Amino acid sequence: MQKTLVIMAKEPRPGRVKTRLGRDIGMVGAAWWFRHQTRSLIRRLRDPRWQIVLAVSPDREGMNSRVWPVDLPRKPQGRGNLGDRMGRMLRGAPDGPVCLIGADIPGITRGHIARAFGALGRAEIVFGPAPDGGYWLVGAQRYGALPSGMFNNVRWSTENALADTLASVNGRRVTLLDHLRDVDTVADLHG
C-alpha cells in the first residue's frame, strides 16, 4: 500500500513566509532561510518507502514555481485556515497511510518519518508534538476516514494547538511521536 508524505510549502517570498522570523532577522532573510530549509528537508526525506507530495501555497504561484523539484507532484493547498488546508491534503491523499509535515522543521530525518508510518500500523492517527504546544507531524491511516470534526476549534499558533486537535479526534487510537522544534522565531533557530 502506497505511503504518502505531504510537505506543506509556501512560495518563499519576503513578507509572505515566516513573518514572525522575519520580524527578528528581516523578511528577506526569513524567506532565504525558508527556501534553503525546505530544499534541504526535501533532499533529506526522499526515500523509496514513501511518495513525497508538495502541498503548495499560494496555489497558482506554488503550482508554477521553479523553486521546488520538478519531479515531485504538487497540490494546491486551497483556501481556509491551517486546519482546512491540512484536512484537505490528508483527505485527498491516495489510499494508504499519509503523514503531513511543515517545511520548517530542521531536525527531521527519514527515521522520524519511518517511525510515524510504523506507528500507523497500530494507531489510527499519529502526532509529532512540538515544544511550543503545536505539532510538526500529523498522520492518519488513510483507509479509515478522518474524523469529520478533525481540526475544528483548534487555536492555531498557540500552545493549545495539539491539545485542541487531540480533543477533535477523541475516541481514536492516537500515538505521539518524538518532540521536534519548528522554526517560528530567531530563538527557535538556536533552540
C-alpha atoms as a PDB file:
ATOM      1  CA  MET A   1       0.000   0.000   0.000  1.00  0.00           C
ATOM      2  CA  GLN A   2       1.374   3.399  -1.021  1.00  0.00           C
ATOM      3  CA  LYS A   3       2.636   5.644   1.785  1.00  0.00           C
ATOM      4  CA  THR A   4       2.367   9.376   1.137  1.00  0.00           C
ATOM      5  CA  LEU A   5       4.350  12.150   2.820  1.00  0.00           C
ATOM      6  CA  VAL A   6       2.785  15.577   2.265  1.00  0.00           C
ATOM      7  CA  ILE A   7       5.076  18.564   2.819  1.00  0.00           C
ATOM      8  CA  MET A   8       3.290  21.906   3.271  1.00  0.00           C
ATOM      9  CA  ALA A   9       5.406  24.549   1.482  1.00  0.00           C
ATOM     10  CA  LYS A  10       4.785  28.223   0.848  1.00  0.00           C
ATOM     11  CA  GLU A  11       6.420  30.049  -2.001  1.00  0.00           C
ATOM     12  CA  PRO A  12       9.443  31.712  -0.307  1.00  0.00           C
ATOM     13  CA  ARG A  13       8.599  35.364  -0.920  1.00  0.00           C
ATOM     14  CA  PRO A  14       9.766  38.049   1.546  1.00  0.00           C
ATOM     15  CA  GLY A  15       6.892  39.228   3.728  1.00  0.00           C
ATOM     16  CA  ARG A  16       4.706  36.224   2.841  1.00  0.00           C
ATOM     17  CA  VAL A  17       6.565  33.390   4.538  1.00  0.00           C
ATOM     18  CA  LYS A  18       7.935  33.020   8.090  1.00  0.00           C
ATOM     19  CA  THR A  19       6.861  36.549   9.033  1.00  0.00           C
ATOM     20  CA  ARG A  20       7.450  36.057  12.776  1.00  0.00           C
ATOM     21  CA  LEU A  21      11.027  35.007  11.994  1.00  0.00           C
ATOM     22  CA  GLY A  22      11.186  37.935   9.571  1.00  0.00           C
ATOM     23  CA  ARG A  23      10.466  40.380  12.398  1.00  0.00           C
ATOM     24  CA  ASP A  24      13.663  39.094  14.045  1.00  0.00           C
ATOM     25  CA  ILE A  25      16.030  38.705  11.068  1.00  0.00           C
ATOM     26  CA  GLY A  26      14.326  40.644   8.272  1.00  0.00           C
ATOM     27  CA  MET A  27      11.798  39.434   5.724  1.00  0.00           C
ATOM     28  CA  VAL A  28      14.398  38.740   3.025  1.00  0.00           C
ATOM     29  CA  GLY A  29      16.483  36.711   5.480  1.00  0.00           C
ATOM     30  CA  ALA A  30      13.439  34.734   6.616  1.00  0.00           C
ATOM     31  CA  ALA A  31      12.436  33.933   3.022  1.00  0.00           C
ATOM     32  CA  TRP A  32      16.030  32.907   2.214  1.00  0.00           C
ATOM     33  CA  TRP A  33      16.139  30.668   5.300  1.00  0.00           C
ATOM     34  CA  PHE A  34      12.808  29.034   4.416  1.00  0.00           C
ATOM     35  CA  ARG A  35      13.800  28.402   0.807  1.00  0.00           C
ATOM     36  CA  HIS A  36      17.047  26.698   1.797  1.00  0.00           C
ATOM     37  CA  GLN A  37      15.490  24.852   4.736  1.00  0.00           C
ATOM     38  CA  THR A  38      12.732  23.446   2.509  1.00  0.00           C
ATOM     39  CA  ARG A  39      15.163  22.317  -0.194  1.00  0.00           C
ATOM     40  CA  SER A  40      17.359  20.631   2.408  1.00  0.00           C
ATOM     41  CA  LEU A  41      14.355  18.964   4.055  1.00  0.00           C
ATOM     42  CA  ILE A  42      13.099  17.576   0.729  1.00  0.00           C
ATOM     43  CA  ARG A  43      16.559  16.176  -0.089  1.00  0.00           C
ATOM     44  CA  ARG A  44      16.847  14.558   3.369  1.00  0.00           C
ATOM     45  CA  LEU A  45      13.391  12.987   3.268  1.00  0.00           C
ATOM     46  CA  ARG A  46      13.443  11.460  -0.220  1.00  0.00           C
ATOM     47  CA  ASP A  47      13.055   7.721   0.282  1.00  0.00           C
ATOM     48  CA  PRO A  48      11.689   4.857  -1.821  1.00  0.00           C
ATOM     49  CA  ARG A  49       9.441   3.798   1.082  1.00  0.00           C
ATOM     50  CA  TRP A  50       7.084   6.750   0.507  1.00  0.00           C
ATOM     51  CA  GLN A  51       5.951   9.214  -2.134  1.00  0.00           C
ATOM     52  CA  ILE A  52       6.523  12.912  -1.388  1.00  0.00           C
ATOM     53  CA  VAL A  53       3.783  15.318  -2.443  1.00  0.00           C
ATOM     54  CA  LEU A  54       4.197  19.078  -2.068  1.00  0.00           C
ATOM     55  CA  ALA A  55       1.145  20.974  -0.799  1.00  0.00           C
ATOM     56  CA  VAL A  56       1.897  24.424  -2.169  1.00  0.00           C
ATOM     57  CA  SER A  57       0.722  27.939  -1.383  1.00  0.00           C
ATOM     58  CA  PRO A  58      -0.256  30.334  -2.848  1.00  0.00           C
ATOM     59  CA  ASP A  59      -1.990  27.947  -5.193  1.00  0.00           C
ATOM     60  CA  ARG A  60      -1.148  29.361  -8.625  1.00  0.00           C
ATOM     61  CA  GLU A  61       2.386  30.518  -7.791  1.00  0.00           C
ATOM     62  CA  GLY A  62       3.167  27.283  -5.977  1.00  0.00           C
ATOM     63  CA  MET A  63       1.958  25.069  -8.802  1.00  0.00           C
ATOM     64  CA  ASN A  64       4.122  27.004 -11.306  1.00  0.00           C
ATOM     65  CA  SER A  65       7.123  27.621  -9.054  1.00  0.00           C
ATOM     66  CA  ARG A  66      10.617  26.829 -10.243  1.00  0.00           C
ATOM     67  CA  VAL A  67      11.879  26.783  -6.655  1.00  0.00           C
ATOM     68  CA  TRP A  68      10.762  23.212  -5.875  1.00  0.00           C
ATOM     69  CA  PRO A  69      11.943  19.996  -7.569  1.00  0.00           C
ATOM     70  CA  VAL A  70      10.028  19.405 -10.804  1.00  0.00           C
ATOM     71  CA  ASP A  71       9.787  15.637 -10.276  1.00  0.00           C
ATOM     72  CA  LEU A  72       7.614  15.911  -7.160  1.00  0.00           C
ATOM     73  CA  PRO A  73       3.824  16.024  -7.519  1.00  0.00           C
ATOM     74  CA  ARG A  74       2.203  19.245  -6.265  1.00  0.00           C
ATOM     75  CA  LYS A  75      -1.252  20.002  -4.978  1.00  0.00           C
ATOM     76  CA  PRO A  76      -2.610  23.457  -4.189  1.00  0.00           C
ATOM     77  CA  GLN A  77      -3.444  23.931  -0.506  1.00  0.00           C
ATOM     78  CA  GLY A  78      -6.541  25.955  -1.332  1.00  0.00           C
ATOM     79  CA  ARG A  79      -8.383  28.369   0.915  1.00  0.00           C
ATOM     80  CA  GLY A  80      -9.154  28.368   4.604  1.00  0.00           C
ATOM     81  CA  ASN A  81      -7.267  28.204   7.860  1.00  0.00           C
ATOM     82  CA  LEU A  82      -4.442  25.771   8.535  1.00  0.00           C
ATOM     83  CA  GLY A  83      -6.870  23.048   9.657  1.00  0.00           C
ATOM     84  CA  ASP A  84      -8.965  23.398   6.499  1.00  0.00           C
ATOM     85  CA  ARG A  85      -5.872  23.100   4.326  1.00  0.00           C
ATOM     86  CA  MET A  86      -4.346  20.185   6.267  1.00  0.00           C
ATOM     87  CA  GLY A  87      -7.648  18.304   6.278  1.00  0.00           C
ATOM     88  CA  ARG A  88      -7.971  18.782   2.526  1.00  0.00           C
ATOM     89  CA  MET A  89      -4.455  17.418   1.954  1.00  0.00           C
ATOM     90  CA  LEU A  90      -4.986  14.397   4.238  1.00  0.00           C
ATOM     91  CA  ARG A  91      -8.395  13.538   2.781  1.00  0.00           C
ATOM     92  CA  GLY A  92      -7.164  13.957  -0.790  1.00  0.00           C
ATOM     93  CA  ALA A  93      -4.153  11.670  -0.428  1.00  0.00           C
ATOM     94  CA  PRO A  94      -4.061   8.334  -2.252  1.00  0.00           C
ATOM     95  CA  ASP A  95      -5.206   5.190  -0.446  1.00  0.00           C
ATOM     96  CA  GLY A  96      -2.759   4.117   2.223  1.00  0.00           C
ATOM     97  CA  PRO A  97      -1.192   5.816   5.229  1.00  0.00           C
ATOM     98  CA  VAL A  98      -0.449   9.518   4.924  1.00  0.00           C
ATOM     99  CA  CYS A  99       1.724  11.842   7.012  1.00  0.00           C
ATOM    100  CA  LEU A 100       1.772  15.618   6.716  1.00  0.00           C
ATOM    101  CA  ILE A 101       4.547  17.925   7.896  1.00  0.00           C
ATOM    102  CA  GLY A 102       5.511  21.556   7.659  1.00  0.00           C
ATOM    103  CA  ALA A 103       8.701  22.503   5.835  1.00  0.00           C
ATOM    104  CA  ASP A 104      10.153  24.412   8.803  1.00  0.00           C
ATOM    105  CA  ILE A 105      11.459  21.520  10.963  1.00  0.00           C
ATOM    106  CA  PRO A 106      15.278  21.440  10.701  1.00  0.00           C
ATOM    107  CA  GLY A 107      15.722  18.353  12.916  1.00  0.00           C
ATOM    108  CA  ILE A 108      13.505  15.957  10.987  1.00  0.00           C
ATOM    109  CA  THR A 109      15.051  12.806   9.488  1.00  0.00           C
ATOM    110  CA  ARG A 110      13.930   9.821   7.435  1.00  0.00           C
ATOM    111  CA  GLY A 111      13.925   7.877  10.712  1.00  0.00           C
ATOM    112  CA  HIS A 112      11.254  10.184  12.152  1.00  0.00           C
ATOM    113  CA  ILE A 113       9.060   9.669   9.086  1.00  0.00           C
ATOM    114  CA  ALA A 114       9.601   5.892   9.097  1.00  0.00           C
ATOM    115  CA  ARG A 115       8.596   5.740  12.794  1.00  0.00           C
ATOM    116  CA  ALA A 116       5.453   7.759  12.046  1.00  0.00           C
ATOM    117  CA  PHE A 117       4.399   5.371   9.281  1.00  0.00           C
ATOM    118  CA  GLY A 118       5.280   2.418  11.520  1.00  0.00           C
ATOM    119  CA  ALA A 119       3.095   3.800  14.307  1.00  0.00           C
ATOM    120  CA  LEU A 120       0.175   3.986  11.873  1.00  0.00           C
ATOM    121  CA  GLY A 121       0.182   0.210  11.836  1.00  0.00           C
ATOM    122  CA  ARG A 122      -1.073   0.313  15.435  1.00  0.00           C
ATOM    123  CA  ALA A 123      -2.701   3.731  15.701  1.00  0.00           C
ATOM    124  CA  GLU A 124      -5.320   5.447  13.569  1.00  0.00           C
ATOM    125  CA  ILE A 125      -3.719   8.880  13.965  1.00  0.00           C
ATOM    126  CA  VAL A 126      -0.192   9.988  14.920  1.00  0.00           C
ATOM    127  CA  PHE A 127       1.151  13.362  16.024  1.00  0.00           C
ATOM    128  CA  GLY A 128       4.678  14.675  16.363  1.00  0.00           C
ATOM    129  CA  PRO A 129       4.490  17.136  19.265  1.00  0.00           C
ATOM    130  CA  ALA A 130       6.441  20.395  19.264  1.00  0.00           C
ATOM    131  CA  PRO A 131       7.741  22.065  22.439  1.00  0.00           C
ATOM    132  CA  ASP A 132       5.540  25.133  21.810  1.00  0.00           C
ATOM    133  CA  GLY A 133       2.300  23.128  22.176  1.00  0.00           C
ATOM    134  CA  GLY A 134       1.775  22.570  18.465  1.00  0.00           C
ATOM    135  CA  TYR A 135       2.897  19.673  16.321  1.00  0.00           C
ATOM    136  CA  TRP A 136       5.296  19.074  13.468  1.00  0.00           C
ATOM    137  CA  LEU A 137       3.561  15.995  12.011  1.00  0.00           C
ATOM    138  CA  VAL A 138       0.064  14.597  11.754  1.00  0.00           C
ATOM    139  CA  GLY A 139      -0.543  11.232  10.154  1.00  0.00           C
ATOM    140  CA  ALA A 140      -3.542   9.015   9.536  1.00  0.00           C
ATOM    141  CA  GLN A 141      -4.464   5.597   8.230  1.00  0.00           C
ATOM    142  CA  ARG A 142      -5.961   6.854   5.006  1.00  0.00           C
ATOM    143  CA  TYR A 143      -8.260   3.864   4.579  1.00  0.00           C
ATOM    144  CA  GLY A 144     -10.012   4.880   7.792  1.00  0.00           C
ATOM    145  CA  ALA A 145     -11.805   8.165   7.207  1.00  0.00           C
ATOM    146  CA  LEU A 146     -10.555  11.107   9.204  1.00  0.00           C
ATOM    147  CA  PRO A 147     -12.933  12.243  11.923  1.00  0.00           C
ATOM    148  CA  SER A 148     -15.298  14.787  10.391  1.00  0.00           C
ATOM    149  CA  GLY A 149     -14.534  17.365  13.084  1.00  0.00           C
ATOM    150  CA  MET A 150     -10.759  16.927  12.976  1.00  0.00           C
ATOM    151  CA  PHE A 151      -9.065  20.340  13.183  1.00  0.00           C
ATOM    152  CA  ASN A 152     -12.316  22.109  14.211  1.00  0.00           C
ATOM    153  CA  ASN A 153     -11.993  24.666  17.011  1.00  0.00           C
ATOM    154  CA  VAL A 154      -8.194  24.451  17.060  1.00  0.00           C
ATOM    155  CA  ARG A 155      -6.426  27.568  18.300  1.00  0.00           C
ATOM    156  CA  TRP A 156      -3.645  27.631  15.706  1.00  0.00           C
ATOM    157  CA  SER A 157      -0.236  29.150  16.501  1.00  0.00           C
ATOM    158  CA  THR A 158      -0.858  28.814  20.247  1.00  0.00           C
ATOM    159  CA  GLU A 159       0.298  26.448  22.982  1.00  0.00           C
ATOM    160  CA  ASN A 160      -3.151  24.802  22.712  1.00  0.00           C
ATOM    161  CA  ALA A 161      -2.944  23.561  19.095  1.00  0.00           C
ATOM    162  CA  LEU A 162      -2.047  19.936  19.892  1.00  0.00           C
ATOM    163  CA  ALA A 163      -4.457  19.661  22.844  1.00  0.00           C
ATOM    164  CA  ASP A 164      -7.293  21.135  20.768  1.00  0.00           C
ATOM    165  CA  THR A 165      -6.570  18.767  17.872  1.00  0.00           C
ATOM    166  CA  LEU A 166      -6.397  15.757  20.213  1.00  0.00           C
ATOM    167  CA  ALA A 167      -9.816  16.751  21.555  1.00  0.00           C
ATOM    168  CA  SER A 168     -11.155  16.751  17.977  1.00  0.00           C
ATOM    169  CA  VAL A 169     -10.117  13.096  17.453  1.00  0.00           C
ATOM    170  CA  ASN A 170     -11.426  11.817  20.782  1.00  0.00           C
ATOM    171  CA  GLY A 171     -12.079   8.065  20.719  1.00  0.00           C
ATOM    172  CA  ARG A 172      -9.463   7.290  18.035  1.00  0.00           C
ATOM    173  CA  ARG A 173      -6.274   5.310  18.688  1.00  0.00           C
ATOM    174  CA  VAL A 174      -3.583   8.015  18.804  1.00  0.00           C
ATOM    175  CA  THR A 175       0.201   7.710  19.126  1.00  0.00           C
ATOM    176  CA  LEU A 176       2.521  10.601  19.993  1.00  0.00           C
ATOM    177  CA  LEU A 177       5.988  10.586  18.429  1.00  0.00           C
ATOM    178  CA  ASP A 178       9.265  12.355  19.209  1.00  0.00           C
ATOM    179  CA  HIS A 179       9.266  16.040  20.102  1.00  0.00           C
ATOM    180  CA  LEU A 180      10.799  18.242  17.399  1.00  0.00           C
ATOM    181  CA  ARG A 181      11.013  22.016  17.112  1.00  0.00           C
ATOM    182  CA  ASP A 182       9.690  24.019  14.206  1.00  0.00           C
ATOM    183  CA  VAL A 183      11.104  27.456  13.480  1.00  0.00           C
ATOM    184  CA  ASP A 184       8.896  30.464  14.084  1.00  0.00           C
ATOM    185  CA  THR A 185      11.331  32.937  15.678  1.00  0.00           C
ATOM    186  CA  VAL A 186      15.080  33.551  15.854  1.00  0.00           C
ATOM    187  CA  ALA A 187      15.118  31.817  19.270  1.00  0.00           C
ATOM    188  CA  ASP A 188      13.893  28.630  17.540  1.00  0.00           C
ATOM    189  CA  LEU A 189      16.902  28.746  15.201  1.00  0.00           C
ATOM    190  CA  HIS A 190      19.195  28.449  18.196  1.00  0.00           C
ATOM    191  CA  GLY A 191      16.988  26.210  20.364  1.00  0.00           C
END
